[in-house]
Amino acid sequence: MSLALEIHRIDNVAVVICRGRIVFGEETTEFCRHVRNLLPQRAYVILNLHAVEYVDSGGLGSIVGLLLAARRANGDLGICEPSHRVCDLLRITKLDSVIPIFPSQEDGVAEFRRSTVAA
């Protein structure tokens, strides 16, 4: 299954709902392009990974690259509702200590809204 993206804009936060696999190749190229295009208008991005069944090393690298791009744009990138498999991967690679992870999309949006008000 390829990667499908659905983008919602909530105030200054973009929520990207991902379905499928985030793997090296066409999927990550399109994924990065879509998210980077959001940054000039919405530097705070939440990746909803509830329906992502697999992430390879190229996918992890893409997520880290997007995190850095968001922070360079004076924003941030977080993950919400990661699937069990993705959650394990983030923990094993220790990315859970670098990327904010939220139990729900609503929690992530609320946290990033507070960040935009404080900025």
PDB file of N, CA and C in Angstrom:
ATOM      1  N   MET A   1       0.839  -1.180   0.000  1.00  0.00           N
ATOM      2  CA  MET A   1       0.000   0.000   0.000  1.00  0.00           C
ATOM      3  C   MET A   1       0.885   1.244   0.000  1.00  0.00           C
ATOM      4  N   SER A   2       0.617   2.164  -0.882  1.00  0.00           N
ATOM      5  CA  SER A   2       1.376   3.405  -0.936  1.00  0.00           C
ATOM      6  C   SER A   2       0.903   4.343   0.172  1.00  0.00           C
ATOM      7  N   LEU A   3       1.481   5.517   0.217  1.00  0.00           N
ATOM      8  CA  LEU A   3       1.162   6.492   1.252  1.00  0.00           C
ATOM      9  C   LEU A   3       0.096   7.456   0.749  1.00  0.00           C
ATOM     10  N   ALA A   4      -0.976   7.599   1.512  1.00  0.00           N
ATOM     11  CA  ALA A   4      -2.026   8.572   1.213  1.00  0.00           C
ATOM     12  C   ALA A   4      -1.990   9.642   2.294  1.00  0.00           C
ATOM     13  N   LEU A   5      -2.132  10.897   1.891  1.00  0.00           N
ATOM     14  CA  LEU A   5      -2.089  12.022   2.813  1.00  0.00           C
ATOM     15  C   LEU A   5      -3.389  12.799   2.753  1.00  0.00           C
ATOM     16  N   GLU A   6      -3.840  13.216   3.925  1.00  0.00           N
ATOM     17  CA  GLU A   6      -5.015  14.078   4.037  1.00  0.00           C
ATOM     18  C   GLU A   6      -4.600  15.237   4.940  1.00  0.00           C
ATOM     19  N   ILE A   7      -4.759  16.459   4.459  1.00  0.00           N
ATOM     20  CA  ILE A   7      -4.269  17.624   5.191  1.00  0.00           C
ATOM     21  C   ILE A   7      -5.437  18.463   5.691  1.00  0.00           C
ATOM     22  N   HIS A   8      -5.383  18.789   6.991  1.00  0.00           N
ATOM     23  CA  HIS A   8      -6.371  19.668   7.618  1.00  0.00           C
ATOM     24  C   HIS A   8      -5.633  20.851   8.215  1.00  0.00           C
ATOM     25  N   ARG A   9      -6.252  22.014   8.125  1.00  0.00           N
ATOM     26  CA  ARG A   9      -5.657  23.219   8.706  1.00  0.00           C
ATOM     27  C   ARG A   9      -6.522  23.662   9.871  1.00  0.00           C
ATOM     28  N   ILE A  10      -5.916  23.754  11.041  1.00  0.00           N
ATOM     29  CA  ILE A  10      -6.618  24.194  12.244  1.00  0.00           C
ATOM     30  C   ILE A  10      -5.823  25.360  12.804  1.00  0.00           C
ATOM     31  N   ASP A  11      -6.344  26.564  12.588  1.00  0.00           N
ATOM     32  CA  ASP A  11      -5.637  27.792  12.960  1.00  0.00           C
ATOM     33  C   ASP A  11      -4.252  27.780  12.319  1.00  0.00           C
ATOM     34  N   ASN A  12      -3.199  27.890  13.130  1.00  0.00           N
ATOM     35  CA  ASN A  12      -1.831  27.931  12.598  1.00  0.00           C
ATOM     36  C   ASN A  12      -1.174  26.547  12.583  1.00  0.00           C
ATOM     37  N   VAL A  13      -1.976  25.502  12.758  1.00  0.00           N
ATOM     38  CA  VAL A  13      -1.449  24.134  12.816  1.00  0.00           C
ATOM     39  C   VAL A  13      -1.968  23.349  11.613  1.00  0.00           C
ATOM     40  N   ALA A  14      -1.066  22.648  10.951  1.00  0.00           N
ATOM     41  CA  ALA A  14      -1.460  21.741   9.863  1.00  0.00           C
ATOM     42  C   ALA A  14      -1.404  20.316  10.406  1.00  0.00           C
ATOM     43  N   VAL A  15      -2.468  19.579  10.188  1.00  0.00           N
ATOM     44  CA  VAL A  15      -2.521  18.170  10.579  1.00  0.00           C
ATOM     45  C   VAL A  15      -2.467  17.351   9.303  1.00  0.00           C
ATOM     46  N   VAL A  16      -1.478  16.467   9.232  1.00  0.00           N
ATOM     47  CA  VAL A  16      -1.315  15.607   8.064  1.00  0.00           C
ATOM     48  C   VAL A  16      -1.632  14.176   8.499  1.00  0.00           C
ATOM     49  N   ILE A  17      -2.759  13.677   8.036  1.00  0.00           N
ATOM     50  CA  ILE A  17      -3.159  12.307   8.345  1.00  0.00           C
ATOM     51  C   ILE A  17      -2.534  11.407   7.284  1.00  0.00           C
ATOM     52  N   CYS A  18      -1.722  10.476   7.746  1.00  0.00           N
ATOM     53  CA  CYS A  18      -0.985   9.579   6.844  1.00  0.00           C
ATOM     54  C   CYS A  18      -1.596   8.181   6.922  1.00  0.00           C
ATOM     55  N   ARG A  19      -1.753   7.557   5.766  1.00  0.00           N
ATOM     56  CA  ARG A  19      -2.258   6.185   5.699  1.00  0.00           C
ATOM     57  C   ARG A  19      -1.355   5.385   4.776  1.00  0.00           C
ATOM     58  N   GLY A  20      -0.899   4.238   5.259  1.00  0.00           N
ATOM     59  CA  GLY A  20      -0.061   3.376   4.426  1.00  0.00           C
ATOM     60  C   GLY A  20       1.325   3.204   5.005  1.00  0.00           C
ATOM     61  N   ARG A  21       2.325   3.351   4.140  1.00  0.00           N
ATOM     62  CA  ARG A  21       3.715   3.138   4.537  1.00  0.00           C
ATOM     63  C   ARG A  21       4.532   4.381   4.217  1.00  0.00           C
ATOM     64  N   ILE A  22       5.440   4.720   5.121  1.00  0.00           N
ATOM     65  CA  ILE A  22       6.368   5.821   4.866  1.00  0.00           C
ATOM     66  C   ILE A  22       7.719   5.162   4.608  1.00  0.00           C
ATOM     67  N   VAL A  23       8.023   4.982   3.322  1.00  0.00           N
ATOM     68  CA  VAL A  23       9.227   4.260   2.929  1.00  0.00           C
ATOM     69  C   VAL A  23      10.009   5.057   1.893  1.00  0.00           C
ATOM     70  N   PHE A  24      11.297   4.780   1.823  1.00  0.00           N
ATOM     71  CA  PHE A  24      12.179   5.458   0.880  1.00  0.00           C
ATOM     72  C   PHE A  24      11.652   5.315  -0.539  1.00  0.00           C
ATOM     73  N   GLY A  25      11.708   6.395  -1.281  1.00  0.00           N
ATOM     74  CA  GLY A  25      11.281   6.371  -2.674  1.00  0.00           C
ATOM     75  C   GLY A  25      10.236   7.430  -2.939  1.00  0.00           C
ATOM     76  N   GLU A  26       9.348   7.105  -3.846  1.00  0.00           N
ATOM     77  CA  GLU A  26       8.314   8.043  -4.253  1.00  0.00           C
ATOM     78  C   GLU A  26       7.456   8.515  -3.087  1.00  0.00           C
ATOM     79  N   GLU A  27       7.138   7.583  -2.174  1.00  0.00           N
ATOM     80  CA  GLU A  27       6.301   7.936  -1.025  1.00  0.00           C
ATOM     81  C   GLU A  27       6.923   9.075  -0.221  1.00  0.00           C
ATOM     82  N   THR A  28       8.208   8.927   0.141  1.00  0.00           N
ATOM     83  CA  THR A  28       8.821   9.955   0.976  1.00  0.00           C
ATOM     84  C   THR A  28       9.067  11.244   0.209  1.00  0.00           C
ATOM     85  N   THR A  29       9.325  11.154  -1.081  1.00  0.00           N
ATOM     86  CA  THR A  29       9.521  12.361  -1.886  1.00  0.00           C
ATOM     87  C   THR A  29       8.250  13.202  -1.887  1.00  0.00           C
ATOM     88  N   GLU A  30       7.123  12.584  -2.160  1.00  0.00           N
ATOM     89  CA  GLU A  30       5.841  13.296  -2.179  1.00  0.00           C
ATOM     90  C   GLU A  30       5.448  13.761  -0.776  1.00  0.00           C
ATOM     91  N   PHE A  31       5.659  12.921   0.204  1.00  0.00           N
ATOM     92  CA  PHE A  31       5.369  13.238   1.603  1.00  0.00           C
ATOM     93  C   PHE A  31       6.116  14.510   2.011  1.00  0.00           C
ATOM     94  N   CYS A  32       7.410  14.540   1.751  1.00  0.00           N
ATOM     95  CA  CYS A  32       8.229  15.707   2.107  1.00  0.00           C
ATOM     96  C   CYS A  32       7.796  16.948   1.339  1.00  0.00           C
ATOM     97  N   ARG A  33       7.502  16.790   0.075  1.00  0.00           N
ATOM     98  CA  ARG A  33       7.081  17.933  -0.736  1.00  0.00           C
ATOM     99  C   ARG A  33       5.806  18.550  -0.184  1.00  0.00           C
ATOM    100  N   HIS A  34       4.829  17.718   0.135  1.00  0.00           N
ATOM    101  CA  HIS A  34       3.557  18.222   0.667  1.00  0.00           C
ATOM    102  C   HIS A  34       3.751  18.938   2.000  1.00  0.00           C
ATOM    103  N   VAL A  35       4.510  18.335   2.890  1.00  0.00           N
ATOM    104  CA  VAL A  35       4.690  18.940   4.213  1.00  0.00           C
ATOM    105  C   VAL A  35       5.530  20.216   4.116  1.00  0.00           C
ATOM    106  N   ARG A  36       6.593  20.196   3.352  1.00  0.00           N
ATOM    107  CA  ARG A  36       7.418  21.415   3.206  1.00  0.00           C
ATOM    108  C   ARG A  36       6.614  22.575   2.617  1.00  0.00           C
ATOM    109  N   ASN A  37       5.676  22.283   1.730  1.00  0.00           N
ATOM    110  CA  ASN A  37       4.837  23.332   1.145  1.00  0.00           C
ATOM    111  C   ASN A  37       3.919  23.976   2.185  1.00  0.00           C
ATOM    112  N   LEU A  38       3.660  23.294   3.289  1.00  0.00           N
ATOM    113  CA  LEU A  38       2.818  23.848   4.352  1.00  0.00           C
ATOM    114  C   LEU A  38       3.573  24.836   5.231  1.00  0.00           C
ATOM    115  N   LEU A  39       4.880  24.679   5.329  1.00  0.00           N
ATOM    116  CA  LEU A  39       5.666  25.421   6.320  1.00  0.00           C
ATOM    117  C   LEU A  39       5.628  26.941   6.195  1.00  0.00           C
ATOM    118  N   PRO A  40       5.618  27.522   5.007  1.00  0.00           N
ATOM    119  CA  PRO A  40       5.578  28.990   4.980  1.00  0.00           C
ATOM    120  C   PRO A  40       4.315  29.572   5.637  1.00  0.00           C
ATOM    121  N   GLN A  41       3.178  28.884   5.525  1.00  0.00           N
ATOM    122  CA  GLN A  41       1.936  29.373   6.116  1.00  0.00           C
ATOM    123  C   GLN A  41       1.675  28.796   7.509  1.00  0.00           C
ATOM    124  N   ARG A  42       2.074  27.565   7.710  1.00  0.00           N
ATOM    125  CA  ARG A  42       1.813  26.874   8.978  1.00  0.00           C
ATOM    126  C   ARG A  42       3.064  26.111   9.386  1.00  0.00           C
ATOM    127  N   ALA A  43       3.856  26.749  10.230  1.00  0.00           N
ATOM    128  CA  ALA A  43       5.138  26.152  10.622  1.00  0.00           C
ATOM    129  C   ALA A  43       4.965  25.056  11.672  1.00  0.00           C
ATOM    130  N   TYR A  44       3.762  24.920  12.219  1.00  0.00           N
ATOM    131  CA  TYR A  44       3.486  23.855  13.189  1.00  0.00           C
ATOM    132  C   TYR A  44       2.714  22.757  12.474  1.00  0.00           C
ATOM    133  N   VAL A  45       3.299  21.561  12.470  1.00  0.00           N
ATOM    134  CA  VAL A  45       2.734  20.433  11.735  1.00  0.00           C
ATOM    135  C   VAL A  45       2.629  19.237  12.670  1.00  0.00           C
ATOM    136  N   ILE A  46       1.487  18.575  12.607  1.00  0.00           N
ATOM    137  CA  ILE A  46       1.292  17.335  13.349  1.00  0.00           C
ATOM    138  C   ILE A  46       1.069  16.224  12.337  1.00  0.00           C
ATOM    139  N   LEU A  47       1.855  15.170  12.461  1.00  0.00           N
ATOM    140  CA  LEU A  47       1.691  13.986  11.620  1.00  0.00           C
ATOM    141  C   LEU A  47       0.848  12.977  12.394  1.00  0.00           C
ATOM    142  N   ASN A  48      -0.335  12.687  11.898  1.00  0.00           N
ATOM    143  CA  ASN A  48      -1.171  11.668  12.517  1.00  0.00           C
ATOM    144  C   ASN A  48      -0.782  10.338  11.877  1.00  0.00           C
ATOM    145  N   LEU A  49      -0.136   9.484  12.657  1.00  0.00           N
ATOM    146  CA  LEU A  49       0.393   8.220  12.118  1.00  0.00           C
ATOM    147  C   LEU A  49      -0.411   7.008  12.586  1.00  0.00           C
ATOM    148  N   HIS A  50      -1.662   7.236  12.936  1.00  0.00           N
ATOM    149  CA  HIS A  50      -2.512   6.149  13.409  1.00  0.00           C
ATOM    150  C   HIS A  50      -2.644   5.027  12.378  1.00  0.00           C
ATOM    151  N   ALA A  51      -2.741   5.393  11.115  1.00  0.00           N
ATOM    152  CA  ALA A  51      -2.970   4.405  10.053  1.00  0.00           C
ATOM    153  C   ALA A  51      -1.699   4.101   9.253  1.00  0.00           C
ATOM    154  N   VAL A  52      -0.533   4.343   9.861  1.00  0.00           N
ATOM    155  CA  VAL A  52       0.729   4.001   9.194  1.00  0.00           C
ATOM    156  C   VAL A  52       1.189   2.653   9.734  1.00  0.00           C
ATOM    157  N   GLU A  53       1.323   1.704   8.828  1.00  0.00           N
ATOM    158  CA  GLU A  53       1.675   0.349   9.251  1.00  0.00           C
ATOM    159  C   GLU A  53       3.178   0.079   9.240  1.00  0.00           C
ATOM    160  N   TYR A  54       3.942   0.905   8.502  1.00  0.00           N
ATOM    161  CA  TYR A  54       5.369   0.616   8.382  1.00  0.00           C
ATOM    162  C   TYR A  54       6.136   1.885   8.045  1.00  0.00           C
ATOM    163  N   VAL A  55       7.283   2.060   8.692  1.00  0.00           N
ATOM    164  CA  VAL A  55       8.203   3.154   8.391  1.00  0.00           C
ATOM    165  C   VAL A  55       9.596   2.544   8.287  1.00  0.00           C
ATOM    166  N   ASP A  56      10.292   2.790   7.172  1.00  0.00           N
ATOM    167  CA  ASP A  56      11.661   2.285   7.055  1.00  0.00           C
ATOM    168  C   ASP A  56      12.641   3.401   7.406  1.00  0.00           C
ATOM    169  N   SER A  57      13.935   3.117   7.258  1.00  0.00           N
ATOM    170  CA  SER A  57      14.953   4.099   7.641  1.00  0.00           C
ATOM    171  C   SER A  57      14.847   5.370   6.802  1.00  0.00           C
ATOM    172  N   GLY A  58      14.477   5.231   5.527  1.00  0.00           N
ATOM    173  CA  GLY A  58      14.282   6.404   4.679  1.00  0.00           C
ATOM    174  C   GLY A  58      13.109   7.245   5.155  1.00  0.00           C
ATOM    175  N   GLY A  59      12.071   6.586   5.618  1.00  0.00           N
ATOM    176  CA  GLY A  59      10.915   7.296   6.162  1.00  0.00           C
ATOM    177  C   GLY A  59      11.264   8.027   7.442  1.00  0.00           C
ATOM    178  N   LEU A  60      12.035   7.368   8.310  1.00  0.00           N
ATOM    179  CA  LEU A  60      12.488   8.035   9.543  1.00  0.00           C
ATOM    180  C   LEU A  60      13.344   9.249   9.218  1.00  0.00           C
ATOM    181  N   GLY A  61      14.235   9.094   8.251  1.00  0.00           N
ATOM    182  CA  GLY A  61      15.077  10.215   7.837  1.00  0.00           C
ATOM    183  C   GLY A  61      14.253  11.371   7.306  1.00  0.00           C
ATOM    184  N   SER A  62      13.198  11.065   6.578  1.00  0.00           N
ATOM    185  CA  SER A  62      12.310  12.104   6.055  1.00  0.00           C
ATOM    186  C   SER A  62      11.601  12.838   7.187  1.00  0.00           C
ATOM    187  N   ILE A  63      11.144  12.100   8.176  1.00  0.00           N
ATOM    188  CA  ILE A  63      10.465  12.727   9.319  1.00  0.00           C
ATOM    189  C   ILE A  63      11.426  13.640  10.067  1.00  0.00           C
ATOM    190  N   VAL A  64      12.658  13.188  10.276  1.00  0.00           N
ATOM    191  CA  VAL A  64      13.656  14.030  10.952  1.00  0.00           C
ATOM    192  C   VAL A  64      13.960  15.268  10.112  1.00  0.00           C
ATOM    193  N   GLY A  65      14.088  15.120   8.799  1.00  0.00           N
ATOM    194  CA  GLY A  65      14.320  16.267   7.922  1.00  0.00           C
ATOM    195  C   GLY A  65      13.179  17.271   7.991  1.00  0.00           C
ATOM    196  N   LEU A  66      11.945  16.783   8.067  1.00  0.00           N
ATOM    197  CA  LEU A  66      10.797  17.677   8.180  1.00  0.00           C
ATOM    198  C   LEU A  66      10.765  18.367   9.539  1.00  0.00           C
ATOM    199  N   LEU A  67      11.171  17.655  10.572  1.00  0.00           N
ATOM    200  CA  LEU A  67      11.274  18.255  11.914  1.00  0.00           C
ATOM    201  C   LEU A  67      12.242  19.434  11.884  1.00  0.00           C
ATOM    202  N   LEU A  68      13.401  19.218  11.288  1.00  0.00           N
ATOM    203  CA  LEU A  68      14.406  20.288  11.194  1.00  0.00           C
ATOM    204  C   LEU A  68      13.902  21.449  10.357  1.00  0.00           C
ATOM    205  N   ALA A  69      13.213  21.163   9.255  1.00  0.00           N
ATOM    206  CA  ALA A  69      12.672  22.226   8.405  1.00  0.00           C
ATOM    207  C   ALA A  69      11.623  23.040   9.166  1.00  0.00           C
ATOM    208  N   ALA A  70      10.777  22.377   9.923  1.00  0.00           N
ATOM    209  CA  ALA A  70       9.758  23.090  10.703  1.00  0.00           C
ATOM    210  C   ALA A  70      10.416  23.972  11.763  1.00  0.00           C
ATOM    211  N   ARG A  71      11.423  23.462  12.413  1.00  0.00           N
ATOM    212  CA  ARG A  71      12.100  24.257  13.445  1.00  0.00           C
ATOM    213  C   ARG A  71      12.871  25.427  12.843  1.00  0.00           C
ATOM    214  N   ARG A  72      13.417  25.250  11.644  1.00  0.00           N
ATOM    215  CA  ARG A  72      14.073  26.371  10.948  1.00  0.00           C
ATOM    216  C   ARG A  72      13.057  27.453  10.571  1.00  0.00           C
ATOM    217  N   ALA A  73      11.803  27.051  10.389  1.00  0.00           N
ATOM    218  CA  ALA A  73      10.730  27.993  10.056  1.00  0.00           C
ATOM    219  C   ALA A  73      10.094  28.558  11.334  1.00  0.00           C
ATOM    220  N   ASN A  74      10.795  28.383  12.468  1.00  0.00           N
ATOM    221  CA  ASN A  74      10.313  28.845  13.778  1.00  0.00           C
ATOM    222  C   ASN A  74       9.032  28.154  14.218  1.00  0.00           C
ATOM    223  N   GLY A  75       8.888  26.905  13.848  1.00  0.00           N
ATOM    224  CA  GLY A  75       7.734  26.112  14.243  1.00  0.00           C
ATOM    225  C   GLY A  75       8.186  24.816  14.874  1.00  0.00           C
ATOM    226  N   ASP A  76       7.386  23.791  14.690  1.00  0.00           N
ATOM    227  CA  ASP A  76       7.732  22.475  15.222  1.00  0.00           C
ATOM    228  C   ASP A  76       6.924  21.418  14.476  1.00  0.00           C
ATOM    229  N   LEU A  77       7.352  20.190  14.634  1.00  0.00           N
ATOM    230  CA  LEU A  77       6.656  19.056  14.044  1.00  0.00           C
ATOM    231  C   LEU A  77       6.466  18.037  15.153  1.00  0.00           C
ATOM    232  N   GLY A  78       5.259  17.522  15.253  1.00  0.00           N
ATOM    233  CA  GLY A  78       4.964  16.497  16.244  1.00  0.00           C
ATOM    234  C   GLY A  78       4.255  15.329  15.585  1.00  0.00           C
ATOM    235  N   ILE A  79       4.150  14.261  16.342  1.00  0.00           N
ATOM    236  CA  ILE A  79       3.470  13.049  15.881  1.00  0.00           C
ATOM    237  C   ILE A  79       2.347  12.773  16.854  1.00  0.00           C
ATOM    238  N   CYS A  80       1.196  12.390  16.328  1.00  0.00           N
ATOM    239  CA  CYS A  80       0.110  11.983  17.208  1.00  0.00           C
ATOM    240  C   CYS A  80      -0.395  10.606  16.810  1.00  0.00           C
ATOM    241  N   GLU A  81      -0.911   9.927  17.807  1.00  0.00           N
ATOM    242  CA  GLU A  81      -1.548   8.626  17.632  1.00  0.00           C
ATOM    243  C   GLU A  81      -0.735   7.626  16.823  1.00  0.00           C
ATOM    244  N   PRO A  82       0.577   7.518  17.086  1.00  0.00           N
ATOM    245  CA  PRO A  82       1.346   6.551  16.285  1.00  0.00           C
ATOM    246  C   PRO A  82       0.839   5.126  16.525  1.00  0.00           C
ATOM    247  N   SER A  83       0.830   4.344  15.469  1.00  0.00           N
ATOM    248  CA  SER A  83       0.444   2.940  15.602  1.00  0.00           C
ATOM    249  C   SER A  83       1.440   2.257  16.550  1.00  0.00           C
ATOM    250  N   HIS A  84       1.069   1.117  17.056  1.00  0.00           N
ATOM    251  CA  HIS A  84       1.930   0.396  17.997  1.00  0.00           C
ATOM    252  C   HIS A  84       3.308   0.140  17.392  1.00  0.00           C
ATOM    253  N   ARG A  85       3.322  -0.293  16.157  1.00  0.00           N
ATOM    254  CA  ARG A  85       4.584  -0.603  15.471  1.00  0.00           C
ATOM    255  C   ARG A  85       5.453   0.648  15.317  1.00  0.00           C
ATOM    256  N   VAL A  86       4.843   1.770  14.930  1.00  0.00           N
ATOM    257  CA  VAL A  86       5.577   3.024  14.757  1.00  0.00           C
ATOM    258  C   VAL A  86       6.048   3.544  16.113  1.00  0.00           C
ATOM    259  N   CYS A  87       5.219   3.418  17.122  1.00  0.00           N
ATOM    260  CA  CYS A  87       5.596   3.842  18.468  1.00  0.00           C
ATOM    261  C   CYS A  87       6.836   3.077  18.943  1.00  0.00           C
ATOM    262  N   ASP A  88       6.861   1.780  18.718  1.00  0.00           N
ATOM    263  CA  ASP A  88       8.033   0.966  19.074  1.00  0.00           C
ATOM    264  C   ASP A  88       9.274   1.439  18.327  1.00  0.00           C
ATOM    265  N   LEU A  89       9.129   1.737  17.049  1.00  0.00           N
ATOM    266  CA  LEU A  89      10.251   2.199  16.233  1.00  0.00           C
ATOM    267  C   LEU A  89      10.788   3.536  16.756  1.00  0.00           C
ATOM    268  N   LEU A  90       9.896   4.461  17.096  1.00  0.00           N
ATOM    269  CA  LEU A  90      10.322   5.756  17.629  1.00  0.00           C
ATOM    270  C   LEU A  90      11.048   5.588  18.961  1.00  0.00           C
ATOM    271  N   ARG A  91      10.576   4.650  19.774  1.00  0.00           N
ATOM    272  CA  ARG A  91      11.211   4.396  21.068  1.00  0.00           C
ATOM    273  C   ARG A  91      12.590   3.762  20.881  1.00  0.00           C
ATOM    274  N   ILE A  92      12.691   2.766  20.017  1.00  0.00           N
ATOM    275  CA  ILE A  92      13.953   2.059  19.784  1.00  0.00           C
ATOM    276  C   ILE A  92      15.022   2.993  19.222  1.00  0.00           C
ATOM    277  N   THR A  93      14.619   3.890  18.329  1.00  0.00           N
ATOM    278  CA  THR A  93      15.571   4.821  17.719  1.00  0.00           C
ATOM    279  C   THR A  93      15.788   6.073  18.569  1.00  0.00           C
ATOM    280  N   LYS A  94      15.056   6.154  19.687  1.00  0.00           N
ATOM    281  CA  LYS A  94      15.125   7.284  20.621  1.00  0.00           C
ATOM    282  C   LYS A  94      14.618   8.592  20.017  1.00  0.00           C
ATOM    283  N   LEU A  95      13.921   8.502  18.902  1.00  0.00           N
ATOM    284  CA  LEU A  95      13.327   9.709  18.324  1.00  0.00           C
ATOM    285  C   LEU A  95      12.171  10.221  19.173  1.00  0.00           C
ATOM    286  N   ASP A  96      11.625   9.359  20.043  1.00  0.00           N
ATOM    287  CA  ASP A  96      10.563   9.819  20.937  1.00  0.00           C
ATOM    288  C   ASP A  96      11.060  10.848  21.942  1.00  0.00           C
ATOM    289  N   SER A  97      12.379  10.970  22.084  1.00  0.00           N
ATOM    290  CA  SER A  97      12.935  11.991  22.979  1.00  0.00           C
ATOM    291  C   SER A  97      13.237  13.291  22.232  1.00  0.00           C
ATOM    292  N   VAL A  98      13.100  13.279  20.908  1.00  0.00           N
ATOM    293  CA  VAL A  98      13.410  14.444  20.077  1.00  0.00           C
ATOM    294  C   VAL A  98      12.139  15.048  19.473  1.00  0.00           C
ATOM    295  N   ILE A  99      11.228  14.199  19.054  1.00  0.00           N
ATOM    296  CA  ILE A  99       9.998  14.631  18.397  1.00  0.00           C
ATOM    297  C   ILE A  99       8.858  14.564  19.410  1.00  0.00           C
ATOM    298  N   PRO A 100       8.107  15.655  19.564  1.00  0.00           N
ATOM    299  CA  PRO A 100       6.949  15.591  20.462  1.00  0.00           C
ATOM    300  C   PRO A 100       5.939  14.550  19.961  1.00  0.00           C
ATOM    301  N   ILE A 101       5.492  13.699  20.869  1.00  0.00           N
ATOM    302  CA  ILE A 101       4.507  12.681  20.525  1.00  0.00           C
ATOM    303  C   ILE A 101       3.289  12.904  21.414  1.00  0.00           C
ATOM    304  N   PHE A 102       2.121  12.997  20.773  1.00  0.00           N
ATOM    305  CA  PHE A 102       0.882  13.294  21.475  1.00  0.00           C
ATOM    306  C   PHE A 102      -0.056  12.093  21.399  1.00  0.00           C
ATOM    307  N   PRO A 103      -0.790  11.827  22.489  1.00  0.00           N
ATOM    308  CA  PRO A 103      -1.710  10.689  22.471  1.00  0.00           C
ATOM    309  C   PRO A 103      -2.885  10.879  21.514  1.00  0.00           C
ATOM    310  N   SER A 104      -3.259  12.143  21.258  1.00  0.00           N
ATOM    311  CA  SER A 104      -4.369  12.395  20.342  1.00  0.00           C
ATOM    312  C   SER A 104      -4.063  13.611  19.479  1.00  0.00           C
ATOM    313  N   GLN A 105      -4.779  13.707  18.389  1.00  0.00           N
ATOM    314  CA  GLN A 105      -4.636  14.843  17.481  1.00  0.00           C
ATOM    315  C   GLN A 105      -5.038  16.130  18.211  1.00  0.00           C
ATOM    316  N   GLU A 106      -6.088  16.054  18.996  1.00  0.00           N
ATOM    317  CA  GLU A 106      -6.568  17.225  19.730  1.00  0.00           C
ATOM    318  C   GLU A 106      -5.509  17.730  20.707  1.00  0.00           C
ATOM    319  N   ASP A 107      -4.819  16.815  21.396  1.00  0.00           N
ATOM    320  CA  ASP A 107      -3.758  17.203  22.331  1.00  0.00           C
ATOM    321  C   ASP A 107      -2.628  17.917  21.598  1.00  0.00           C
ATOM    322  N   GLY A 108      -2.253  17.405  20.445  1.00  0.00           N
ATOM    323  CA  GLY A 108      -1.182  18.019  19.660  1.00  0.00           C
ATOM    324  C   GLY A 108      -1.558  19.404  19.172  1.00  0.00           C
ATOM    325  N   VAL A 109      -2.770  19.537  18.664  1.00  0.00           N
ATOM    326  CA  VAL A 109      -3.223  20.842  18.176  1.00  0.00           C
ATOM    327  C   VAL A 109      -3.263  21.836  19.335  1.00  0.00           C
ATOM    328  N   ALA A 110      -3.783  21.424  20.481  1.00  0.00           N
ATOM    329  CA  ALA A 110      -3.866  22.316  21.642  1.00  0.00           C
ATOM    330  C   ALA A 110      -2.477  22.767  22.087  1.00  0.00           C
ATOM    331  N   GLU A 111      -1.530  21.844  22.116  1.00  0.00           N
ATOM    332  CA  GLU A 111      -0.160  22.191  22.532  1.00  0.00           C
ATOM    333  C   GLU A 111       0.489  23.162  21.546  1.00  0.00           C
ATOM    334  N   PHE A 112       0.341  22.906  20.270  1.00  0.00           N
ATOM    335  CA  PHE A 112       0.948  23.785  19.269  1.00  0.00           C
ATOM    336  C   PHE A 112       0.230  25.127  19.200  1.00  0.00           C
ATOM    337  N   ARG A 113      -1.057  25.156  19.486  1.00  0.00           N
ATOM    338  CA  ARG A 113      -1.769  26.443  19.567  1.00  0.00           C
ATOM    339  C   ARG A 113      -1.163  27.290  20.679  1.00  0.00           C
ATOM    340  N   ARG A 114      -0.916  26.651  21.829  1.00  0.00           N
ATOM    341  CA  ARG A 114      -0.276  27.388  22.943  1.00  0.00           C
ATOM    342  C   ARG A 114       1.097  27.899  22.526  1.00  0.00           C
ATOM    343  N   SER A 115       1.831  27.117  21.759  1.00  0.00           N
ATOM    344  CA  SER A 115       3.151  27.521  21.303  1.00  0.00           C
ATOM    345  C   SER A 115       3.072  28.732  20.387  1.00  0.00           C
ATOM    346  N   THR A 116       2.065  28.777  19.518  1.00  0.00           N
ATOM    347  CA  THR A 116       1.948  29.903  18.594  1.00  0.00           C
ATOM    348  C   THR A 116       1.528  31.169  19.325  1.00  0.00           C
ATOM    349  N   VAL A 117       0.737  31.031  20.387  1.00  0.00           N
ATOM    350  CA  VAL A 117       0.320  32.194  21.172  1.00  0.00           C
ATOM    351  C   VAL A 117       1.511  32.741  21.950  1.00  0.00           C
ATOM    352  N   ALA A 118       2.350  31.842  22.474  1.00  0.00           N
ATOM    353  CA  ALA A 118       3.512  32.257  23.259  1.00  0.00           C
ATOM    354  C   ALA A 118       4.603  32.878  22.394  1.00  0.00           C
ATOM    355  N   ALA A 119       4.625  32.511  21.107  1.00  0.00           N
ATOM    356  CA  ALA A 119       5.698  32.994  20.215  1.00  0.00           C
ATOM    357  C   ALA A 119       5.556  34.428  19.826  1.00  0.00           C
TER     358      ALA A 119
END
